[in-house]
Every structure is written in C-alpha cells, then in structure tokens.
Amino acid sequence: MEPFGEMGGSYLFSAVPITNAADNHLQLDGVFTAKETVWKIYLYRAVDLLQ
C-alpha cells in the first residue's frame, strides 16, 4: 500500500470485504447498498501509509 500513499491515495472502493484490511493500513469507513443492485460497496480509508 505504500505506493498508493505515495501517489496521494486516500480511499479505496471494494466489491468484497477486505479481511486483512488492518494489516494493509486500511480502515472500513462505510458499506453502501442500493435496491437496484446486488453489489455492496465497501469504502476503506488508508491510514498511516507513510510512517
């Protein structure tokens, strides 16, 4: 995830839960659903990438 942080990345969208999010310096900020779709969208925030 360091290159992601070096490029200024802050958020990551995923269609599946990331089970090792903490190991990759990601914090779950929200889960979004809609009646019109079967997908859930998981929003992760990158934390402490450049330390």
C-alpha atoms as a PDB file:
ATOM      1  CA  MET A   1       0.000   0.000   0.000  1.00  0.00           C
ATOM      2  CA  GLU A   2       2.980   2.357   0.246  1.00  0.00           C
ATOM      3  CA  PRO A   3       2.884   3.265  -3.483  1.00  0.00           C
ATOM      4  CA  PHE A   4      -0.820   4.054  -3.048  1.00  0.00           C
ATOM      5  CA  GLY A   5       0.030   6.514  -0.265  1.00  0.00           C
ATOM      6  CA  GLU A   6       2.966   7.995  -2.184  1.00  0.00           C
ATOM      7  CA  MET A   7       0.588   8.758  -5.051  1.00  0.00           C
ATOM      8  CA  GLY A   8      -1.708  10.588  -2.641  1.00  0.00           C
ATOM      9  CA  GLY A   9      -4.336   7.846  -2.410  1.00  0.00           C
ATOM     10  CA  SER A  10      -6.735   8.171   0.481  1.00  0.00           C
ATOM     11  CA  TYR A  11      -9.728   5.935  -0.232  1.00  0.00           C
ATOM     12  CA  LEU A  12     -10.264   2.533  -1.777  1.00  0.00           C
ATOM     13  CA  PHE A  13     -13.526   1.050  -3.075  1.00  0.00           C
ATOM     14  CA  SER A  14     -14.052  -2.709  -2.970  1.00  0.00           C
ATOM     15  CA  ALA A  15     -16.865  -5.019  -4.058  1.00  0.00           C
ATOM     16  CA  VAL A  16     -15.854  -7.539  -1.380  1.00  0.00           C
ATOM     17  CA  PRO A  17     -14.802  -7.125   2.254  1.00  0.00           C
ATOM     18  CA  ILE A  18     -11.040  -6.966   2.754  1.00  0.00           C
ATOM     19  CA  THR A  19     -10.380  -9.428   5.560  1.00  0.00           C
ATOM     20  CA  ASN A  20      -6.834  -8.211   6.227  1.00  0.00           C
ATOM     21  CA  ALA A  21      -7.641  -4.503   5.976  1.00  0.00           C
ATOM     22  CA  ALA A  22      -5.814  -3.563   9.187  1.00  0.00           C
ATOM     23  CA  ASP A  23      -2.675  -5.387   8.023  1.00  0.00           C
ATOM     24  CA  ASN A  24      -2.773  -3.230   4.877  1.00  0.00           C
ATOM     25  CA  HIS A  25      -3.355   0.027   6.764  1.00  0.00           C
ATOM     26  CA  LEU A  26      -6.998   0.281   5.715  1.00  0.00           C
ATOM     27  CA  GLN A  27      -9.938   1.248   7.893  1.00  0.00           C
ATOM     28  CA  LEU A  28     -13.512   0.472   6.859  1.00  0.00           C
ATOM     29  CA  ASP A  29     -15.406   3.766   6.621  1.00  0.00           C
ATOM     30  CA  GLY A  30     -18.705   2.565   5.192  1.00  0.00           C
ATOM     31  CA  VAL A  31     -20.723  -0.068   3.375  1.00  0.00           C
ATOM     32  CA  PHE A  32     -23.137   1.095   0.677  1.00  0.00           C
ATOM     33  CA  THR A  33     -26.054  -0.801  -0.857  1.00  0.00           C
ATOM     34  CA  ALA A  34     -28.905   0.021  -3.215  1.00  0.00           C
ATOM     35  CA  LYS A  35     -32.125  -1.758  -4.114  1.00  0.00           C
ATOM     36  CA  GLU A  36     -31.217  -1.601  -7.811  1.00  0.00           C
ATOM     37  CA  THR A  37     -28.033  -3.658  -7.486  1.00  0.00           C
ATOM     38  CA  VAL A  38     -26.854  -6.902  -5.948  1.00  0.00           C
ATOM     39  CA  TRP A  39     -23.480  -5.395  -5.018  1.00  0.00           C
ATOM     40  CA  LYS A  40     -22.350  -3.960  -1.736  1.00  0.00           C
ATOM     41  CA  ILE A  41     -19.608  -1.356  -1.981  1.00  0.00           C
ATOM     42  CA  TYR A  42     -17.064  -1.243   0.823  1.00  0.00           C
ATOM     43  CA  LEU A  43     -15.267   2.065   1.356  1.00  0.00           C
ATOM     44  CA  TYR A  44     -11.862   1.897   3.031  1.00  0.00           C
ATOM     45  CA  ARG A  45      -9.691   4.797   4.148  1.00  0.00           C
ATOM     46  CA  ALA A  46      -5.917   4.463   4.033  1.00  0.00           C
ATOM     47  CA  VAL A  47      -4.311   5.234   7.405  1.00  0.00           C
ATOM     48  CA  ASP A  48      -0.649   5.617   8.394  1.00  0.00           C
ATOM     49  CA  LEU A  49       0.691   4.690   4.948  1.00  0.00           C
ATOM     50  CA  LEU A  50       3.827   6.797   5.038  1.00  0.00           C
ATOM     51  CA  GLN A  51       5.008   6.065   8.559  1.00  0.00           C
END
